[in-house]
Amino acid sequence: MAMNKNTVLAWATAIMVFVGLALIALGAFRYDDVAGWGFAAVGIGFFAIAWVFNALKGRV
């Protein structure tokens, strides 16, 4: 099975959503101090980049 550009972007989007959820979960459940806010902010950043990857499907 050959992977074209759209398949690679779809996999990258799925992986980034998973990592973003993991980072938000770490911020919410593991760290109760200021570090938790940082983990959650980075997780939201991963969602933003995944959104851009999803928007690029079919355009590159």
PDB file of N, CA and C in Angstrom:
ATOM      1  N   MET A   1       0.849  -1.179   0.000  1.00  0.00           N
ATOM      2  CA  MET A   1       0.000   0.000   0.000  1.00  0.00           C
ATOM      3  C   MET A   1       0.893   1.239   0.000  1.00  0.00           C
ATOM      4  N   ALA A   2       0.770   2.020  -1.016  1.00  0.00           N
ATOM      5  CA  ALA A   2       1.568   3.237  -1.118  1.00  0.00           C
ATOM      6  C   ALA A   2       0.881   4.377  -0.369  1.00  0.00           C
ATOM      7  N   MET A   3       1.689   5.173   0.265  1.00  0.00           N
ATOM      8  CA  MET A   3       1.138   6.319   0.984  1.00  0.00           C
ATOM      9  C   MET A   3       1.375   7.576   0.157  1.00  0.00           C
ATOM     10  N   ASN A   4       0.294   8.260  -0.173  1.00  0.00           N
ATOM     11  CA  ASN A   4       0.441   9.520  -0.890  1.00  0.00           C
ATOM     12  C   ASN A   4       0.447  10.678   0.111  1.00  0.00           C
ATOM     13  N   LYS A   5       0.438  11.891  -0.409  1.00  0.00           N
ATOM     14  CA  LYS A   5       0.536  13.084   0.451  1.00  0.00           C
ATOM     15  C   LYS A   5      -0.628  13.173   1.429  1.00  0.00           C
ATOM     16  N   ASN A   6      -1.832  12.896   0.938  1.00  0.00           N
ATOM     17  CA  ASN A   6      -3.002  13.026   1.800  1.00  0.00           C
ATOM     18  C   ASN A   6      -3.019  11.988   2.911  1.00  0.00           C
ATOM     19  N   THR A   7      -2.517  10.790   2.627  1.00  0.00           N
ATOM     20  CA  THR A   7      -2.453   9.757   3.653  1.00  0.00           C
ATOM     21  C   THR A   7      -1.454  10.144   4.738  1.00  0.00           C
ATOM     22  N   VAL A   8      -0.334  10.698   4.328  1.00  0.00           N
ATOM     23  CA  VAL A   8       0.669  11.134   5.305  1.00  0.00           C
ATOM     24  C   VAL A   8       0.116  12.251   6.182  1.00  0.00           C
ATOM     25  N   LEU A   9      -0.589  13.202   5.570  1.00  0.00           N
ATOM     26  CA  LEU A   9      -1.180  14.285   6.361  1.00  0.00           C
ATOM     27  C   LEU A   9      -2.270  13.765   7.291  1.00  0.00           C
ATOM     28  N   ALA A  10      -3.032  12.775   6.855  1.00  0.00           N
ATOM     29  CA  ALA A  10      -4.065  12.203   7.718  1.00  0.00           C
ATOM     30  C   ALA A  10      -3.445  11.504   8.923  1.00  0.00           C
ATOM     31  N   TRP A  11      -2.372  10.743   8.694  1.00  0.00           N
ATOM     32  CA  TRP A  11      -1.682  10.089   9.810  1.00  0.00           C
ATOM     33  C   TRP A  11      -1.065  11.118  10.763  1.00  0.00           C
ATOM     34  N   ALA A  12      -0.467  12.163  10.205  1.00  0.00           N
ATOM     35  CA  ALA A  12       0.135  13.203  11.048  1.00  0.00           C
ATOM     36  C   ALA A  12      -0.929  13.899  11.885  1.00  0.00           C
ATOM     37  N   THR A  13      -2.098  14.145  11.290  1.00  0.00           N
ATOM     38  CA  THR A  13      -3.192  14.769  12.034  1.00  0.00           C
ATOM     39  C   THR A  13      -3.645  13.873  13.177  1.00  0.00           C
ATOM     40  N   ALA A  14      -3.821  12.587  12.899  1.00  0.00           N
ATOM     41  CA  ALA A  14      -4.277  11.659  13.938  1.00  0.00           C
ATOM     42  C   ALA A  14      -3.266  11.555  15.077  1.00  0.00           C
ATOM     43  N   ILE A  15      -1.993  11.478  14.740  1.00  0.00           N
ATOM     44  CA  ILE A  15      -0.956  11.384  15.776  1.00  0.00           C
ATOM     45  C   ILE A  15      -0.912  12.653  16.608  1.00  0.00           C
ATOM     46  N   MET A  16      -1.039  13.817  15.961  1.00  0.00           N
ATOM     47  CA  MET A  16      -0.966  15.071  16.710  1.00  0.00           C
ATOM     48  C   MET A  16      -2.188  15.257  17.606  1.00  0.00           C
ATOM     49  N   VAL A  17      -3.359  14.797  17.170  1.00  0.00           N
ATOM     50  CA  VAL A  17      -4.541  14.860  18.034  1.00  0.00           C
ATOM     51  C   VAL A  17      -4.338  13.961  19.252  1.00  0.00           C
ATOM     52  N   PHE A  18      -3.791  12.764  19.043  1.00  0.00           N
ATOM     53  CA  PHE A  18      -3.534  11.852  20.161  1.00  0.00           C
ATOM     54  C   PHE A  18      -2.549  12.462  21.158  1.00  0.00           C
ATOM     55  N   VAL A  19      -1.451  13.024  20.655  1.00  0.00           N
ATOM     56  CA  VAL A  19      -0.446  13.629  21.538  1.00  0.00           C
ATOM     57  C   VAL A  19      -1.034  14.850  22.250  1.00  0.00           C
ATOM     58  N   GLY A  20      -1.840  15.637  21.539  1.00  0.00           N
ATOM     59  CA  GLY A  20      -2.485  16.792  22.169  1.00  0.00           C
ATOM     60  C   GLY A  20      -3.398  16.376  23.306  1.00  0.00           C
ATOM     61  N   LEU A  21      -4.191  15.321  23.084  1.00  0.00           N
ATOM     62  CA  LEU A  21      -5.052  14.823  24.161  1.00  0.00           C
ATOM     63  C   LEU A  21      -4.234  14.313  25.341  1.00  0.00           C
ATOM     64  N   ALA A  22      -3.135  13.635  25.053  1.00  0.00           N
ATOM     65  CA  ALA A  22      -2.278  13.130  26.132  1.00  0.00           C
ATOM     66  C   ALA A  22      -1.675  14.283  26.941  1.00  0.00           C
ATOM     67  N   LEU A  23      -1.245  15.342  26.262  1.00  0.00           N
ATOM     68  CA  LEU A  23      -0.667  16.473  26.975  1.00  0.00           C
ATOM     69  C   LEU A  23      -1.712  17.198  27.816  1.00  0.00           C
ATOM     70  N   ILE A  24      -2.912  17.350  27.280  1.00  0.00           N
ATOM     71  CA  ILE A  24      -3.975  17.991  28.062  1.00  0.00           C
ATOM     72  C   ILE A  24      -4.344  17.125  29.264  1.00  0.00           C
ATOM     73  N   ALA A  25      -4.377  15.808  29.072  1.00  0.00           N
ATOM     74  CA  ALA A  25      -4.666  14.915  30.192  1.00  0.00           C
ATOM     75  C   ALA A  25      -3.571  14.998  31.252  1.00  0.00           C
ATOM     76  N   LEU A  26      -2.304  15.078  30.822  1.00  0.00           N
ATOM     77  CA  LEU A  26      -1.216  15.242  31.798  1.00  0.00           C
ATOM     78  C   LEU A  26      -1.389  16.531  32.582  1.00  0.00           C
ATOM     79  N   GLY A  27      -1.718  17.610  31.878  1.00  0.00           N
ATOM     80  CA  GLY A  27      -1.900  18.890  32.552  1.00  0.00           C
ATOM     81  C   GLY A  27      -3.077  18.882  33.510  1.00  0.00           C
ATOM     82  N   ALA A  28      -4.123  18.148  33.163  1.00  0.00           N
ATOM     83  CA  ALA A  28      -5.321  18.154  33.998  1.00  0.00           C
ATOM     84  C   ALA A  28      -5.221  17.204  35.186  1.00  0.00           C
ATOM     85  N   PHE A  29      -4.619  16.029  34.983  1.00  0.00           N
ATOM     86  CA  PHE A  29      -4.680  14.996  36.018  1.00  0.00           C
ATOM     87  C   PHE A  29      -3.368  14.742  36.742  1.00  0.00           C
ATOM     88  N   ARG A  30      -2.246  15.063  36.125  1.00  0.00           N
ATOM     89  CA  ARG A  30      -0.963  14.717  36.745  1.00  0.00           C
ATOM     90  C   ARG A  30      -0.353  15.884  37.497  1.00  0.00           C
ATOM     91  N   TYR A  31      -0.362  17.065  36.882  1.00  0.00           N
ATOM     92  CA  TYR A  31       0.298  18.224  37.473  1.00  0.00           C
ATOM     93  C   TYR A  31      -0.738  19.218  37.964  1.00  0.00           C
ATOM     94  N   ASP A  32      -0.681  19.526  39.262  1.00  0.00           N
ATOM     95  CA  ASP A  32      -1.661  20.432  39.858  1.00  0.00           C
ATOM     96  C   ASP A  32      -1.139  21.857  39.988  1.00  0.00           C
ATOM     97  N   ASP A  33       0.107  22.089  39.640  1.00  0.00           N
ATOM     98  CA  ASP A  33       0.667  23.429  39.801  1.00  0.00           C
ATOM     99  C   ASP A  33       0.709  24.130  38.439  1.00  0.00           C
ATOM    100  N   VAL A  34       1.566  25.094  38.311  1.00  0.00           N
ATOM    101  CA  VAL A  34       1.638  25.906  37.098  1.00  0.00           C
ATOM    102  C   VAL A  34       2.054  25.072  35.891  1.00  0.00           C
ATOM    103  N   ALA A  35       2.809  23.997  36.100  1.00  0.00           N
ATOM    104  CA  ALA A  35       3.236  23.148  34.987  1.00  0.00           C
ATOM    105  C   ALA A  35       2.038  22.554  34.257  1.00  0.00           C
ATOM    106  N   GLY A  36       0.948  22.300  34.955  1.00  0.00           N
ATOM    107  CA  GLY A  36      -0.252  21.772  34.320  1.00  0.00           C
ATOM    108  C   GLY A  36      -0.806  22.714  33.268  1.00  0.00           C
ATOM    109  N   TRP A  37      -0.755  24.014  33.556  1.00  0.00           N
ATOM    110  CA  TRP A  37      -1.225  25.004  32.566  1.00  0.00           C
ATOM    111  C   TRP A  37      -0.341  24.971  31.324  1.00  0.00           C
ATOM    112  N   GLY A  38       0.952  24.776  31.514  1.00  0.00           N
ATOM    113  CA  GLY A  38       1.868  24.695  30.377  1.00  0.00           C
ATOM    114  C   GLY A  38       1.603  23.469  29.517  1.00  0.00           C
ATOM    115  N   PHE A  39       1.390  22.323  30.161  1.00  0.00           N
ATOM    116  CA  PHE A  39       1.073  21.116  29.399  1.00  0.00           C
ATOM    117  C   PHE A  39      -0.221  21.293  28.619  1.00  0.00           C
ATOM    118  N   ALA A  40      -1.232  21.889  29.236  1.00  0.00           N
ATOM    119  CA  ALA A  40      -2.504  22.094  28.544  1.00  0.00           C
ATOM    120  C   ALA A  40      -2.348  23.067  27.381  1.00  0.00           C
ATOM    121  N   ALA A  41      -1.551  24.111  27.560  1.00  0.00           N
ATOM    122  CA  ALA A  41      -1.348  25.075  26.482  1.00  0.00           C
ATOM    123  C   ALA A  41      -0.628  24.427  25.297  1.00  0.00           C
ATOM    124  N   VAL A  42       0.365  23.598  25.576  1.00  0.00           N
ATOM    125  CA  VAL A  42       1.070  22.909  24.493  1.00  0.00           C
ATOM    126  C   VAL A  42       0.128  21.915  23.799  1.00  0.00           C
ATOM    127  N   GLY A  43      -0.743  21.256  24.563  1.00  0.00           N
ATOM    128  CA  GLY A  43      -1.721  20.349  23.962  1.00  0.00           C
ATOM    129  C   GLY A  43      -2.667  21.075  23.027  1.00  0.00           C
ATOM    130  N   ILE A  44      -3.106  22.276  23.409  1.00  0.00           N
ATOM    131  CA  ILE A  44      -3.958  23.081  22.531  1.00  0.00           C
ATOM    132  C   ILE A  44      -3.182  23.509  21.293  1.00  0.00           C
ATOM    133  N   GLY A  45      -1.902  23.788  21.441  1.00  0.00           N
ATOM    134  CA  GLY A  45      -1.060  24.096  20.289  1.00  0.00           C
ATOM    135  C   GLY A  45      -0.962  22.923  19.326  1.00  0.00           C
ATOM    136  N   PHE A  46      -0.882  21.706  19.869  1.00  0.00           N
ATOM    137  CA  PHE A  46      -0.873  20.520  19.014  1.00  0.00           C
ATOM    138  C   PHE A  46      -2.178  20.409  18.238  1.00  0.00           C
ATOM    139  N   PHE A  47      -3.312  20.747  18.887  1.00  0.00           N
ATOM    140  CA  PHE A  47      -4.588  20.744  18.175  1.00  0.00           C
ATOM    141  C   PHE A  47      -4.582  21.754  17.028  1.00  0.00           C
ATOM    142  N   ALA A  48      -3.996  22.924  17.261  1.00  0.00           N
ATOM    143  CA  ALA A  48      -3.959  23.953  16.219  1.00  0.00           C
ATOM    144  C   ALA A  48      -3.133  23.478  15.025  1.00  0.00           C
ATOM    145  N   ILE A  49      -1.992  22.855  15.277  1.00  0.00           N
ATOM    146  CA  ILE A  49      -1.159  22.371  14.179  1.00  0.00           C
ATOM    147  C   ILE A  49      -1.850  21.208  13.452  1.00  0.00           C
ATOM    148  N   ALA A  50      -2.550  20.343  14.199  1.00  0.00           N
ATOM    149  CA  ALA A  50      -3.287  19.249  13.568  1.00  0.00           C
ATOM    150  C   ALA A  50      -4.402  19.797  12.681  1.00  0.00           C
ATOM    151  N   TRP A  51      -5.031  20.892  13.105  1.00  0.00           N
ATOM    152  CA  TRP A  51      -6.076  21.530  12.306  1.00  0.00           C
ATOM    153  C   TRP A  51      -5.491  22.033  10.983  1.00  0.00           C
ATOM    154  N   VAL A  52      -4.298  22.613  11.043  1.00  0.00           N
ATOM    155  CA  VAL A  52      -3.638  23.090   9.820  1.00  0.00           C
ATOM    156  C   VAL A  52      -3.299  21.914   8.912  1.00  0.00           C
ATOM    157  N   PHE A  53      -2.788  20.818   9.474  1.00  0.00           N
ATOM    158  CA  PHE A  53      -2.488  19.634   8.668  1.00  0.00           C
ATOM    159  C   PHE A  53      -3.751  19.116   7.997  1.00  0.00           C
ATOM    160  N   ASN A  54      -4.862  19.096   8.731  1.00  0.00           N
ATOM    161  CA  ASN A  54      -6.113  18.627   8.163  1.00  0.00           C
ATOM    162  C   ASN A  54      -6.587  19.553   7.053  1.00  0.00           C
ATOM    163  N   ALA A  55      -6.388  20.848   7.201  1.00  0.00           N
ATOM    164  CA  ALA A  55      -6.797  21.804   6.176  1.00  0.00           C
ATOM    165  C   ALA A  55      -5.921  21.691   4.923  1.00  0.00           C
ATOM    166  N   LEU A  56      -4.700  21.193   5.061  1.00  0.00           N
ATOM    167  CA  LEU A  56      -3.797  21.069   3.915  1.00  0.00           C
ATOM    168  C   LEU A  56      -4.102  19.847   3.058  1.00  0.00           C
ATOM    169  N   LYS A  57      -4.879  18.895   3.575  1.00  0.00           N
ATOM    170  CA  LYS A  57      -5.165  17.694   2.795  1.00  0.00           C
ATOM    171  C   LYS A  57      -5.864  18.086   1.504  1.00  0.00           C
ATOM    172  N   GLY A  58      -5.362  17.597   0.397  1.00  0.00           N
ATOM    173  CA  GLY A  58      -5.946  17.870  -0.902  1.00  0.00           C
ATOM    174  C   GLY A  58      -5.455  19.150  -1.550  1.00  0.00           C
ATOM    175  N   ARG A  59      -4.643  19.939  -0.842  1.00  0.00           N
ATOM    176  CA  ARG A  59      -4.176  21.219  -1.384  1.00  0.00           C
ATOM    177  C   ARG A  59      -2.701  21.217  -1.749  1.00  0.00           C
ATOM    178  N   VAL A  60      -1.941  20.288  -1.194  1.00  0.00           N
ATOM    179  CA  VAL A  60      -0.517  20.232  -1.510  1.00  0.00           C
ATOM    180  C   VAL A  60      -0.226  19.097  -2.458  1.00  0.00           C
TER     181      VAL A  60
END
